[in-house]
Amino acid sequence: MIDSENDLVEISVSYRYAQEHQWVIQGITGFLSAYYMEKPGFQIRRHYDQLETGVHIWLCEIPAGTSVPRLLRRLQADIPPSQIIECPPQTTEQLRYLIDAKSENTP
């Protein structure tokens, strides 16, 4: 957490999904940039690749009370079929949402 007004959240893309759909990194970056213009207080603090896993990460500062799942559902409408996996905070400093390819068992 940053302060009582804002939270930090990681939005990430798996290596597998990024390889299957090579344009999604640019598409998600564009979506988040447009969301910045739409939502006061939203900001991308850092954008990087995690070299050891190949995961692509956007560290976002979001206003308190922002529904990240709703933001991600809007994003999913603009990208190829995917699943969102919520990673518990103990594995990262911030809550992380991982965008990954749909598995065969996912509806």
Protein backbone atom coordinates (compact mmCIF):
# COMPACT_ATOMS: atom_id res chain seq x y z
CA MET A 1 0.00 0.00 0.00
CA ILE A 2 1.12 3.54 -0.70
CA ASP A 3 -1.24 5.48 1.53
CA SER A 4 -4.91 5.50 2.47
CA GLU A 5 -5.83 6.92 -0.93
CA ASN A 6 -4.01 4.50 -3.27
CA ASP A 7 -2.98 0.84 -3.52
CA LEU A 8 -0.33 -0.95 -5.57
CA VAL A 9 -1.43 -3.83 -7.77
CA GLU A 10 0.57 -5.89 -10.26
CA ILE A 11 -1.05 -6.82 -13.54
CA SER A 12 1.03 -9.44 -15.28
CA VAL A 13 1.00 -11.60 -18.41
CA SER A 14 2.40 -15.12 -18.48
CA TYR A 15 5.23 -15.93 -20.86
CA ARG A 16 3.05 -18.58 -22.55
CA TYR A 17 0.18 -16.15 -23.25
CA ALA A 18 2.55 -13.45 -24.51
CA GLN A 19 4.19 -15.94 -26.87
CA GLU A 20 0.84 -17.20 -28.20
CA HIS A 21 -0.41 -13.63 -28.79
CA GLN A 22 2.62 -11.47 -29.41
CA TRP A 23 0.69 -8.21 -29.77
CA VAL A 24 -0.97 -8.38 -26.31
CA ILE A 25 1.85 -6.60 -24.48
CA GLN A 26 1.38 -3.53 -26.68
CA GLY A 27 -2.41 -3.91 -26.48
CA ILE A 28 -2.45 -4.07 -22.67
CA THR A 29 -0.03 -1.15 -22.42
CA GLY A 30 -2.36 0.88 -24.65
CA PHE A 31 -5.41 -0.15 -22.62
CA LEU A 32 -3.74 0.84 -19.33
CA SER A 33 -2.61 4.16 -20.83
CA ALA A 34 -6.19 4.90 -21.90
CA TYR A 35 -7.45 3.89 -18.45
CA TYR A 36 -4.98 6.41 -16.97
CA MET A 37 -6.70 9.14 -19.00
CA GLU A 38 -10.13 7.94 -17.88
CA LYS A 39 -9.55 7.30 -14.16
CA PRO A 40 -7.98 10.07 -12.04
CA GLY A 41 -5.44 8.63 -9.61
CA PHE A 42 -4.60 5.58 -11.74
CA GLN A 43 -0.97 5.41 -12.77
CA ILE A 44 1.52 2.90 -14.12
CA ARG A 45 4.49 3.16 -11.75
CA ARG A 46 6.70 0.57 -13.44
CA HIS A 47 6.58 -1.68 -16.51
CA TYR A 48 9.10 -4.53 -16.77
CA ASP A 49 9.85 -8.20 -17.56
CA GLN A 50 10.68 -10.65 -14.79
CA LEU A 51 13.68 -12.29 -16.44
CA GLU A 52 13.69 -15.55 -14.49
CA THR A 53 10.05 -16.39 -15.35
CA GLY A 54 9.40 -14.41 -18.54
CA VAL A 55 6.35 -12.79 -16.92
CA HIS A 56 5.59 -9.27 -18.13
CA ILE A 57 4.48 -6.91 -15.30
CA TRP A 58 2.82 -3.55 -14.92
CA LEU A 59 2.98 -2.15 -11.38
CA CYS A 60 -0.05 0.09 -11.08
CA GLU A 61 -1.07 2.62 -8.48
CA ILE A 62 -4.84 2.58 -8.19
CA PRO A 63 -7.25 4.73 -6.22
CA ALA A 64 -8.64 2.99 -3.14
CA GLY A 65 -11.97 1.35 -3.92
CA THR A 66 -11.16 0.68 -7.58
CA SER A 67 -12.46 -2.71 -8.66
CA VAL A 68 -9.44 -4.39 -10.23
CA PRO A 69 -11.49 -7.45 -11.32
CA ARG A 70 -13.88 -5.11 -13.19
CA LEU A 71 -10.92 -3.36 -14.83
CA LEU A 72 -9.55 -6.75 -15.90
CA ARG A 73 -12.92 -7.87 -17.31
CA ARG A 74 -12.92 -4.73 -19.47
CA LEU A 75 -9.39 -5.57 -20.59
CA GLN A 76 -10.34 -9.19 -21.39
CA ALA A 77 -12.94 -7.92 -23.87
CA ASP A 78 -10.08 -6.44 -25.93
CA ILE A 79 -7.61 -9.35 -25.92
CA PRO A 80 -7.69 -13.02 -27.00
CA PRO A 81 -9.43 -15.49 -24.65
CA SER A 82 -7.62 -15.63 -21.33
CA GLN A 83 -8.03 -16.49 -17.69
CA ILE A 84 -7.19 -14.22 -14.76
CA ILE A 85 -5.41 -15.82 -11.83
CA GLU A 86 -5.30 -13.87 -8.57
CA CYS A 87 -1.94 -14.52 -6.89
CA PRO A 88 -1.96 -14.21 -3.09
CA PRO A 89 0.01 -11.31 -1.59
CA GLN A 90 2.50 -13.63 0.17
CA THR A 91 4.08 -14.58 -3.18
CA THR A 92 4.61 -10.92 -4.13
CA GLU A 93 4.74 -7.66 -2.24
CA GLN A 94 1.49 -6.58 -3.91
CA LEU A 95 -1.59 -8.39 -5.02
CA ARG A 96 -0.86 -9.75 -8.50
CA TYR A 97 -3.34 -10.63 -11.22
CA LEU A 98 -1.85 -12.95 -13.85
CA ILE A 99 -3.33 -13.02 -17.34
CA ASP A 100 -2.73 -16.47 -18.81
CA ALA A 101 -3.94 -18.60 -21.68
CA LYS A 102 -7.16 -20.45 -20.97
CA SER A 103 -6.57 -24.02 -19.99
CA GLU A 104 -8.64 -26.76 -21.58
CA ASN A 105 -10.59 -27.14 -18.31
CA THR A 106 -11.46 -23.43 -18.05
CA PRO A 107 -14.98 -22.53 -19.30
